[in-house]
């Protein structure tokens, strides 16, 4: 076993590339799998534990299959897409996501791994454990030597997983059903969402018998986040985006650039993605999802 250049775990395998590439494959018990350039390996091996880069690698592996490539400039580049440390609610979401994807029976939250969920110090870890236990978000076992504790779901966190969409892999799309925009939906919105393992959902694609309003509310409540495209300036999009905000869902606001002046003044303070064509929209939407959702 070798030492991970990033998190310093000794339970790590580093594979030398034999095809002339200036990189190696690293499989770390903590970070997961990633590629690292030879120069970066030397640089980070001579530094202390890099909590931020380890967090980025781990979170990347949860959402994408292709390993992250680490070089000497990676830290500055990744700061544009990842926030660290996270606040209390964001850490809960990251832990729930990990449990759902990897550890349904719980795991030990400790000094070796707390940074993977956006916690940056031992003190912050102990503070998080105390608060989440007091609020019955998680159930904890015996205290470990480093102050960490074994963590399990409670009825409250199971309900969060099952009903309120925190970890939902669906994205509710509010937009005009104008047939001219179908190519935008199929070639820009859906591919950007599916790249991160999510599924796009529009109300016109859902089968139901009862009132449409109730179904819209249910689908928004169950989604992980929303995309509201205001091209064509449809009143229904304003309603659905407002419902998403009221339900505390992240909403990505978008509009074709030549129509941006038509949007209602009450929504102009939102950071709209202004797109010109399908490829422009796909690229900008992918970057925004990476930046604020993943």
Protein backbone atom coordinates (compact mmCIF):
# COMPACT_ATOMS: atom_id res chain seq x y z
CA UNK A 1 0.00 0.00 0.00
CA UNK A 2 1.09 3.58 -0.68
CA UNK A 3 0.22 6.96 0.79
CA UNK A 4 -2.43 8.97 -1.03
CA UNK A 5 -0.82 12.21 -2.26
CA UNK A 6 -4.03 14.11 -1.46
CA UNK A 7 -5.56 12.84 1.79
CA UNK A 8 -2.48 10.98 3.14
CA UNK A 9 -4.38 7.75 3.74
CA UNK A 10 -2.04 4.74 3.76
CA UNK A 11 -4.72 2.47 2.32
CA UNK A 12 -4.02 3.50 -1.26
CA UNK A 13 -2.82 1.93 -4.52
CA UNK A 14 -0.89 4.01 -7.08
CA UNK A 15 -0.59 2.46 -10.52
CA UNK A 16 2.19 3.62 -12.86
CA UNK A 17 1.10 4.28 -16.43
CA UNK A 18 3.14 2.35 -18.98
CA UNK A 19 1.84 4.02 -22.12
CA UNK A 20 3.92 7.18 -22.00
CA UNK A 21 1.30 9.33 -20.26
CA UNK A 22 2.42 11.85 -17.65
CA UNK A 23 -0.09 10.55 -15.10
CA UNK A 24 -0.90 7.74 -12.69
CA UNK A 25 -4.09 6.10 -11.52
CA UNK A 26 -4.74 6.35 -7.79
CA UNK A 27 -7.27 4.21 -5.92
CA UNK A 28 -7.66 5.57 -2.38
CA UNK A 29 -9.90 4.17 0.35
CA UNK A 30 -10.91 7.72 1.32
CA UNK A 31 -10.89 9.81 -1.88
CA UNK A 32 -11.77 7.06 -4.32
CA UNK A 33 -10.29 6.70 -7.80
CA UNK A 34 -8.57 9.57 -9.61
CA UNK A 35 -5.78 10.36 -12.06
CA UNK A 36 -2.82 12.50 -11.01
CA UNK A 37 0.00 13.95 -13.10
CA UNK A 38 3.53 13.03 -12.10
CA UNK A 39 4.31 16.66 -11.30
CA UNK A 40 1.22 17.00 -9.13
CA UNK A 41 2.04 13.76 -7.31
CA UNK A 42 5.41 15.15 -6.27
CA UNK A 43 3.91 18.53 -5.35
CA UNK A 44 1.07 17.19 -3.19
CA UNK A 45 3.16 14.43 -1.63
CA UNK A 46 5.30 17.16 -0.07
CA UNK A 47 2.28 18.98 1.35
CA UNK A 48 -0.09 18.23 4.19
CA UNK A 49 -3.54 16.68 3.82
CA UNK A 50 -5.58 18.61 1.24
CA UNK A 51 -9.16 18.38 2.51
CA UNK A 52 -10.64 20.41 -0.33
CA UNK A 53 -9.16 18.32 -3.16
CA UNK A 54 -10.07 15.09 -1.39
CA UNK A 55 -13.65 16.37 -1.02
CA UNK A 56 -13.80 17.26 -4.73
CA UNK A 57 -12.51 13.85 -5.83
CA UNK A 58 -14.95 12.01 -3.57
CA UNK A 59 -17.99 14.07 -4.61
CA UNK A 60 -17.02 13.79 -8.28
CA UNK A 61 -16.91 9.99 -7.99
CA UNK A 62 -20.41 9.92 -6.48
CA UNK A 63 -21.90 11.62 -9.52
CA UNK A 64 -19.70 10.75 -12.48
CA UNK A 65 -18.02 7.61 -13.81
CA UNK A 66 -14.96 9.20 -15.41
CA UNK A 67 -12.22 9.78 -12.78
CA UNK A 68 -11.15 13.34 -11.98
CA UNK A 69 -7.71 14.33 -13.29
CA UNK A 70 -5.58 16.19 -10.75
CA UNK A 71 -2.74 18.50 -11.78
CA UNK A 72 -0.95 21.38 -10.08
CA UNK A 73 -3.68 23.83 -11.19
CA UNK A 74 -6.67 21.69 -10.17
CA UNK A 75 -7.27 23.41 -6.84
CA UNK A 76 -7.87 26.83 -8.39
CA UNK A 77 -10.02 25.38 -11.19
CA UNK A 78 -12.20 23.30 -8.85
CA UNK A 79 -12.91 26.29 -6.59
CA UNK A 80 -15.13 27.57 -9.41
CA UNK A 81 -17.35 24.49 -9.09
CA UNK A 82 -17.14 23.27 -5.48
CA UNK A 83 -17.83 25.05 -2.21
CA UNK A 84 -15.91 24.02 0.91
CA UNK A 85 -16.61 23.90 3.80
CA UNK A 86 -20.38 23.44 3.67
CA UNK A 87 -23.06 24.68 6.01
CA UNK A 88 -25.04 22.42 8.34
CA UNK A 89 -27.92 21.66 5.96
CA UNK A 90 -25.58 21.06 3.01
CA UNK A 91 -23.55 18.57 5.06
CA UNK A 92 -26.72 16.67 5.97
CA UNK A 93 -27.59 16.42 2.27
CA UNK A 94 -24.11 15.14 1.38
CA UNK A 95 -24.26 12.49 4.11
CA UNK A 96 -27.75 11.37 3.06
CA UNK A 97 -26.64 11.16 -0.53
CA UNK A 98 -23.66 9.01 0.43
CA UNK A 99 -25.81 6.70 2.54
CA UNK A 100 -28.31 6.29 -0.27
CA UNK A 101 -25.64 5.55 -2.88
CA UNK A 102 -23.02 3.60 -0.91
CA UNK A 103 -23.74 2.85 2.76
CA UNK A 104 -27.43 2.14 3.49
CA UNK A 105 -26.60 0.74 6.92
CA UNK A 106 -24.66 3.80 8.06
CA UNK A 107 -20.96 4.48 8.57
CA UNK A 108 -18.42 5.94 11.02
CA UNK A 109 -18.11 9.73 10.72
CA UNK A 110 -14.57 10.40 11.94
CA UNK A 111 -11.46 12.55 11.49
CA UNK A 112 -10.37 10.50 8.48
CA UNK A 113 -13.49 11.19 6.44
CA UNK A 114 -15.47 14.15 7.79
CA UNK A 115 -14.08 16.43 5.06
CA UNK A 116 -15.79 14.28 2.39
CA UNK A 117 -19.09 15.79 3.55
CA UNK A 118 -17.93 19.41 3.74
CA UNK A 119 -16.67 19.52 7.35
CA UNK A 120 -13.23 21.11 7.76
CA UNK A 121 -12.11 20.63 11.40
CA UNK A 122 -12.42 18.21 14.32
CA UNK A 123 -14.29 20.87 16.27
CA UNK A 124 -16.77 21.38 13.43
CA UNK A 125 -17.30 17.60 13.22
CA UNK A 126 -18.12 17.34 16.93
CA UNK A 127 -20.43 20.35 16.67
CA UNK A 128 -22.23 18.77 13.71
CA UNK A 129 -22.63 15.45 15.55
CA UNK A 130 -24.08 17.17 18.62
CA UNK A 131 -26.58 19.25 16.66
CA UNK A 132 -27.72 16.50 14.27
CA UNK A 133 -28.18 14.13 17.21
CA UNK A 134 -30.14 16.73 19.20
CA UNK A 135 -32.39 17.33 16.18
CA UNK A 136 -32.84 13.55 15.64
CA UNK A 137 -31.48 13.75 12.08
CA UNK A 138 -29.03 10.91 12.77
CA UNK A 139 -28.62 8.25 15.46
CA UNK A 140 -25.07 7.84 16.78
CA UNK A 141 -23.27 4.95 18.44
CA UNK A 142 -20.28 4.92 20.78
CA UNK A 143 -17.71 7.70 20.54
CA UNK A 144 -14.50 6.78 18.71
CA UNK A 145 -11.00 7.73 19.88
CA UNK A 146 -10.91 10.79 17.61
CA UNK A 147 -14.32 12.04 18.72
CA UNK A 148 -16.09 10.57 15.70
CA UNK A 149 -19.13 8.31 16.00
CA UNK A 150 -20.93 5.62 14.05
CA UNK A 151 -23.89 7.18 12.25
CA UNK A 152 -27.27 5.70 11.28
CA UNK A 153 -30.51 7.04 9.86
CA UNK A 154 -33.46 7.95 12.06
CA UNK A 155 -37.14 8.07 11.18
CA UNK A 156 -36.68 11.76 10.43
CA UNK A 157 -33.82 11.28 7.98
CA UNK A 158 -35.53 8.28 6.35
CA UNK A 159 -38.54 10.53 5.71
CA UNK A 160 -36.19 13.10 4.16
CA UNK A 161 -34.87 10.42 1.83
CA UNK A 162 -38.28 9.07 0.90
CA UNK A 163 -40.52 12.08 0.55
CA UNK A 164 -39.06 15.54 0.15
CA UNK A 165 -36.78 15.14 -2.85
CA UNK A 166 -33.47 16.07 -1.19
CA UNK A 167 -31.80 13.20 -2.96
CA UNK A 168 -34.21 12.86 -5.84
CA UNK A 169 -32.61 12.20 -9.21
CA UNK A 170 -35.44 13.92 -11.09
CA UNK A 171 -35.38 17.52 -12.31
CA UNK A 172 -38.68 19.30 -12.90
CA UNK A 173 -38.65 21.39 -16.09
CA UNK A 174 -40.94 24.41 -16.33
CA UNK A 175 -40.99 25.80 -19.87
CA UNK A 176 -43.14 26.64 -22.86
CA UNK A 177 -44.53 23.61 -24.70
CA UNK A 178 -44.07 25.43 -28.00
CA UNK A 179 -43.07 22.77 -30.55
CA UNK A 180 -40.23 25.00 -31.74
CA UNK A 181 -38.60 24.61 -28.32
CA UNK A 182 -38.77 20.80 -28.29
CA UNK A 183 -35.28 20.59 -29.81
CA UNK A 184 -34.01 22.85 -27.01
CA UNK A 185 -35.50 20.47 -24.45
CA UNK A 186 -34.23 17.31 -26.15
CA UNK A 187 -30.78 18.52 -27.23
CA UNK A 188 -29.80 21.02 -24.53
CA UNK A 189 -31.76 20.59 -21.30
CA UNK A 190 -32.02 16.79 -21.14
CA UNK A 191 -28.37 16.04 -22.06
CA UNK A 192 -27.08 18.57 -19.50
CA UNK A 193 -29.22 16.96 -16.79
CA UNK A 194 -28.49 13.37 -17.78
CA UNK A 195 -24.73 14.04 -17.77
CA UNK A 196 -24.95 14.19 -13.97
CA UNK A 197 -27.20 11.14 -13.64
CA UNK A 198 -30.50 13.02 -13.29
CA UNK A 199 -33.74 12.54 -15.20
CA UNK A 200 -35.69 15.44 -16.75
CA UNK A 201 -39.42 15.57 -16.09
CA UNK A 202 -42.04 17.84 -17.71
CA UNK A 203 -45.66 17.78 -16.64
CA UNK A 204 -46.80 17.05 -20.22
CA UNK A 205 -44.85 13.79 -20.06
CA UNK A 206 -46.55 12.57 -16.86
CA UNK A 207 -49.68 10.37 -16.82
CA UNK A 208 -52.34 11.26 -14.23
CA UNK A 209 -56.11 11.30 -13.68
CA UNK A 210 -56.66 14.01 -11.08
CA UNK A 211 -56.13 17.79 -11.16
CA UNK A 212 -53.05 19.01 -13.04
CA UNK A 213 -52.19 21.59 -10.36
CA UNK A 214 -51.95 18.90 -7.67
CA UNK A 215 -49.67 16.84 -9.89
CA UNK A 216 -47.42 19.80 -10.66
CA UNK A 217 -47.07 20.52 -6.94
CA UNK A 218 -46.32 16.87 -6.19
CA UNK A 219 -43.68 16.60 -8.92
CA UNK A 220 -41.99 19.81 -7.81
CA UNK A 221 -42.02 18.63 -4.20
CA UNK A 222 -40.40 15.33 -5.22
CA UNK A 223 -37.70 16.74 -7.52
CA UNK A 224 -34.08 17.39 -6.64
CA UNK A 225 -34.04 20.79 -8.34
CA UNK A 226 -35.85 22.76 -11.06
CA UNK A 227 -35.05 24.44 -14.35
CA UNK A 228 -37.40 27.26 -15.34
CA UNK A 229 -36.99 28.53 -18.89
CA UNK A 230 -38.87 31.79 -19.51
CA UNK A 231 -38.58 31.79 -23.30
CA UNK A 232 -42.05 32.66 -24.66
CA UNK A 233 -42.82 34.34 -21.30
CA UNK A 234 -45.48 31.80 -20.22
CA UNK A 235 -47.42 32.56 -17.02
CA UNK A 236 -47.32 28.90 -16.00
CA UNK A 237 -43.53 29.00 -15.80
CA UNK A 238 -43.71 31.88 -13.29
CA UNK A 239 -46.21 29.91 -11.20
CA UNK A 240 -44.13 26.72 -11.21
CA UNK A 241 -40.86 28.54 -10.46
CA UNK A 242 -42.58 30.30 -7.56
CA UNK A 243 -43.84 26.97 -6.22
CA UNK A 244 -40.32 25.59 -6.40
CA UNK A 245 -38.91 28.52 -4.44
CA UNK A 246 -41.70 28.22 -1.87
CA UNK A 247 -40.82 24.54 -1.42
CA UNK A 248 -37.15 25.47 -0.94
CA UNK A 249 -36.02 23.85 -4.19
CA UNK A 250 -32.98 25.14 -6.09
CA UNK A 251 -34.32 26.77 -9.27
CA UNK A 252 -32.13 27.53 -12.28
CA UNK A 253 -33.60 30.46 -14.24
CA UNK A 254 -32.99 30.51 -18.02
CA UNK A 255 -34.19 32.46 -21.06
CA UNK A 256 -33.25 32.92 -24.70
CA UNK A 257 -31.10 36.06 -24.81
CA UNK A 258 -33.21 37.91 -27.37
CA UNK A 259 -36.27 37.57 -25.09
CA UNK A 260 -34.66 38.49 -21.78
CA UNK A 261 -36.21 41.97 -21.84
CA UNK A 262 -39.69 40.41 -21.87
CA UNK A 263 -39.43 38.76 -18.45
CA UNK A 264 -41.38 40.25 -15.57
CA UNK A 265 -39.43 42.78 -13.49
CA UNK A 266 -40.12 40.80 -10.28
CA UNK A 267 -37.79 38.04 -11.48
CA UNK A 268 -35.05 40.14 -13.07
CA UNK A 269 -32.84 39.94 -9.99
CA UNK A 270 -32.30 36.18 -10.51
CA UNK A 271 -29.09 35.06 -12.21
CA UNK A 272 -30.57 33.96 -15.53
CA UNK A 273 -28.69 31.76 -17.97
CA UNK A 274 -29.02 33.76 -21.18
CA UNK A 275 -28.66 31.39 -24.09
CA UNK A 276 -28.40 32.01 -27.82
CA UNK A 277 -28.63 28.53 -29.34
CA UNK A 278 -28.81 24.86 -28.36
CA UNK A 279 -25.07 24.30 -27.90
CA UNK A 280 -24.67 27.54 -25.96
CA UNK A 281 -27.57 26.56 -23.67
CA UNK A 282 -26.26 23.03 -23.13
CA UNK A 283 -22.79 24.27 -22.18
CA UNK A 284 -23.99 27.02 -19.84
CA UNK A 285 -26.58 24.78 -18.18
CA UNK A 286 -24.01 22.01 -17.62
CA UNK A 287 -21.66 24.50 -15.97
CA UNK A 288 -24.43 25.92 -13.77
CA UNK A 289 -25.56 22.47 -12.58
CA UNK A 290 -21.95 21.56 -11.80
CA UNK A 291 -21.49 24.82 -9.92
CA UNK A 292 -24.59 25.02 -7.74
CA UNK A 293 -26.13 21.56 -7.60
CA UNK A 294 -23.39 18.93 -7.72
